[in-house]
């Protein structure tokens, strides 16, 4: 379950299979970082369906973050959650990814979920951006040596 304000956020139920595929790859005890998390659906699915040690989600849009916080509260009461303590293992951070990443511990994450920039000046598909190079440079130091 999630909360979506479609006038200020994006959500596609068509991504359900992709979210499930990502969850199936997360191993017990992993620390997972989800960038550009939007309403938090990917992060909530990982927290609720896996035995990840922690799931940290970063989002700039304050409306999307409010939706994610509502979803986190619902996660506490959701009987469909497969792993107890999902809401407590989910950490929501509001802010610009490029501002937040330098504040996180290097080598702390086993897995980082990060879609490539798809709009504005950073959109690599439009030929105007760097395809996400600056984000890669910021997030790679956060991966554990054998993380994915």
Protein backbone atom coordinates (compact mmCIF):
# COMPACT_ATOMS: atom_id res chain seq x y z
CA UNK A 1 0.00 0.00 0.00
CA UNK A 2 1.14 3.51 -0.70
CA UNK A 3 -0.04 7.10 -0.80
CA UNK A 4 0.27 8.98 -4.09
CA UNK A 5 -0.39 12.63 -4.90
CA UNK A 6 -0.52 12.36 -8.69
CA UNK A 7 -0.65 16.13 -9.13
CA UNK A 8 2.89 16.49 -7.71
CA UNK A 9 4.51 13.05 -7.95
CA UNK A 10 5.02 10.17 -10.37
CA UNK A 11 4.04 6.56 -9.82
CA UNK A 12 3.63 3.70 -12.27
CA UNK A 13 2.07 0.40 -11.23
CA UNK A 14 3.70 -1.07 -14.35
CA UNK A 15 7.00 -1.05 -12.47
CA UNK A 16 5.69 -3.70 -10.07
CA UNK A 17 7.57 -6.55 -11.74
CA UNK A 18 10.81 -4.55 -11.68
CA UNK A 19 10.34 -3.81 -7.96
CA UNK A 20 9.81 -7.52 -7.32
CA UNK A 21 12.93 -8.40 -9.35
CA UNK A 22 15.00 -5.97 -7.29
CA UNK A 23 13.61 -7.39 -4.03
CA UNK A 24 14.58 -10.90 -5.13
CA UNK A 25 18.20 -9.78 -5.48
CA UNK A 26 18.49 -8.27 -2.00
CA UNK A 27 20.19 -10.65 0.45
CA UNK A 28 19.71 -10.94 4.19
CA UNK A 29 21.64 -8.32 6.13
CA UNK A 30 22.26 -5.93 3.23
CA UNK A 31 22.24 -2.16 3.64
CA UNK A 32 20.36 -0.73 0.67
CA UNK A 33 20.34 2.86 -0.60
CA UNK A 34 17.53 4.03 -2.92
CA UNK A 35 18.17 7.29 -4.76
CA UNK A 36 15.48 9.50 -6.31
CA UNK A 37 12.99 7.40 -4.33
CA UNK A 38 9.85 9.40 -5.12
CA UNK A 39 6.92 8.19 -3.03
CA UNK A 40 9.17 5.46 -1.62
CA UNK A 41 7.56 2.42 -3.24
CA UNK A 42 10.85 0.72 -4.16
CA UNK A 43 12.26 1.34 -0.68
CA UNK A 44 9.05 0.17 1.05
CA UNK A 45 8.96 -3.00 -1.05
CA UNK A 46 12.57 -3.80 -0.20
CA UNK A 47 11.98 -3.13 3.51
CA UNK A 48 8.75 -5.14 3.59
CA UNK A 49 9.72 -8.09 1.39
CA UNK A 50 13.38 -8.70 2.25
CA UNK A 51 15.59 -9.19 5.28
CA UNK A 52 17.71 -6.17 4.43
CA UNK A 53 19.39 -4.73 7.51
CA UNK A 54 18.46 -1.18 6.50
CA UNK A 55 16.91 0.66 3.58
CA UNK A 56 17.68 4.36 3.12
CA UNK A 57 15.65 6.36 0.60
CA UNK A 58 16.56 9.87 -0.62
CA UNK A 59 14.09 12.18 -2.39
CA UNK A 60 14.13 15.90 -3.14
CA UNK A 61 10.40 16.44 -3.83
CA UNK A 62 8.74 17.36 -0.49
CA UNK A 63 5.31 16.17 -1.67
CA UNK A 64 6.74 12.78 -2.67
CA UNK A 65 8.56 12.58 0.68
CA UNK A 66 5.28 13.29 2.53
CA UNK A 67 3.70 10.43 0.57
CA UNK A 68 6.64 8.18 1.50
CA UNK A 69 6.27 9.06 5.20
CA UNK A 70 2.56 8.21 5.04
CA UNK A 71 3.47 4.95 3.33
CA UNK A 72 6.01 4.19 6.05
CA UNK A 73 3.31 4.66 8.71
CA UNK A 74 1.03 2.32 6.76
CA UNK A 75 3.88 -0.19 6.50
CA UNK A 76 3.79 -0.55 10.30
CA UNK A 77 0.21 -1.85 10.13
CA UNK A 78 0.32 -3.70 6.80
CA UNK A 79 -0.43 -7.38 7.31
CA UNK A 80 1.04 -8.21 3.88
CA UNK A 81 4.53 -7.27 5.05
CA UNK A 82 6.65 -10.42 4.89
CA UNK A 83 9.37 -9.33 7.31
CA UNK A 84 8.69 -7.79 10.72
CA UNK A 85 10.23 -4.41 11.53
CA UNK A 86 10.05 -3.09 7.96
CA UNK A 87 9.03 0.44 8.96
CA UNK A 88 11.86 0.66 11.51
CA UNK A 89 14.46 -0.46 8.94
CA UNK A 90 13.29 2.17 6.44
CA UNK A 91 15.04 5.54 6.73
CA UNK A 92 13.66 8.44 4.68
CA UNK A 93 15.88 11.41 3.85
CA UNK A 94 14.53 14.52 2.15
CA UNK A 95 17.08 16.39 0.11
CA UNK A 96 19.07 16.65 -3.09
CA UNK A 97 20.97 13.44 -3.73
CA UNK A 98 24.16 15.35 -4.56
CA UNK A 99 23.95 17.17 -1.21
CA UNK A 100 23.03 14.10 0.87
CA UNK A 101 25.47 11.52 -0.56
CA UNK A 102 28.62 13.26 0.78
CA UNK A 103 27.15 13.05 4.31
CA UNK A 104 26.78 9.25 4.18
CA UNK A 105 29.43 6.78 5.32
CA UNK A 106 31.74 5.49 2.58
CA UNK A 107 31.54 1.73 2.05
CA UNK A 108 28.32 1.42 4.05
CA UNK A 109 25.96 0.07 1.35
CA UNK A 110 25.79 -3.36 -0.23
CA UNK A 111 23.33 -2.27 -2.91
CA UNK A 112 22.33 1.06 -4.45
CA UNK A 113 19.17 1.44 -6.52
CA UNK A 114 19.53 4.50 -8.74
CA UNK A 115 17.65 5.22 -11.95
CA UNK A 116 19.55 7.19 -14.57
CA UNK A 117 18.52 10.87 -14.79
CA UNK A 118 15.66 11.20 -17.27
CA UNK A 119 14.73 14.89 -17.38
CA UNK A 120 16.10 18.35 -17.33
CA UNK A 121 19.71 19.32 -17.92
CA UNK A 122 21.05 15.95 -16.74
CA UNK A 123 19.03 13.81 -19.20
CA UNK A 124 21.51 11.69 -21.13
CA UNK A 125 18.83 10.63 -23.64
CA UNK A 126 18.41 14.22 -24.82
CA UNK A 127 22.11 14.55 -25.44
CA UNK A 128 22.36 17.50 -23.09
CA UNK A 129 23.44 15.82 -19.87
CA UNK A 130 26.33 13.65 -18.79
CA UNK A 131 24.11 10.55 -18.49
CA UNK A 132 24.47 10.52 -14.73
CA UNK A 133 28.27 10.55 -14.45
CA UNK A 134 28.26 13.05 -11.58
CA UNK A 135 25.81 10.83 -9.66
CA UNK A 136 27.98 7.76 -10.23
CA UNK A 137 31.03 9.63 -8.99
CA UNK A 138 29.10 10.57 -5.83
CA UNK A 139 27.56 7.16 -5.12
CA UNK A 140 30.33 4.70 -5.97
CA UNK A 141 32.37 5.48 -2.81
CA UNK A 142 29.30 4.49 -0.75
CA UNK A 143 29.31 0.91 -2.04
CA UNK A 144 30.90 -1.78 0.09
CA UNK A 145 33.85 -3.43 -1.65
CA UNK A 146 31.76 -6.42 -2.83
CA UNK A 147 28.45 -4.55 -2.97
CA UNK A 148 26.21 -4.33 -6.02
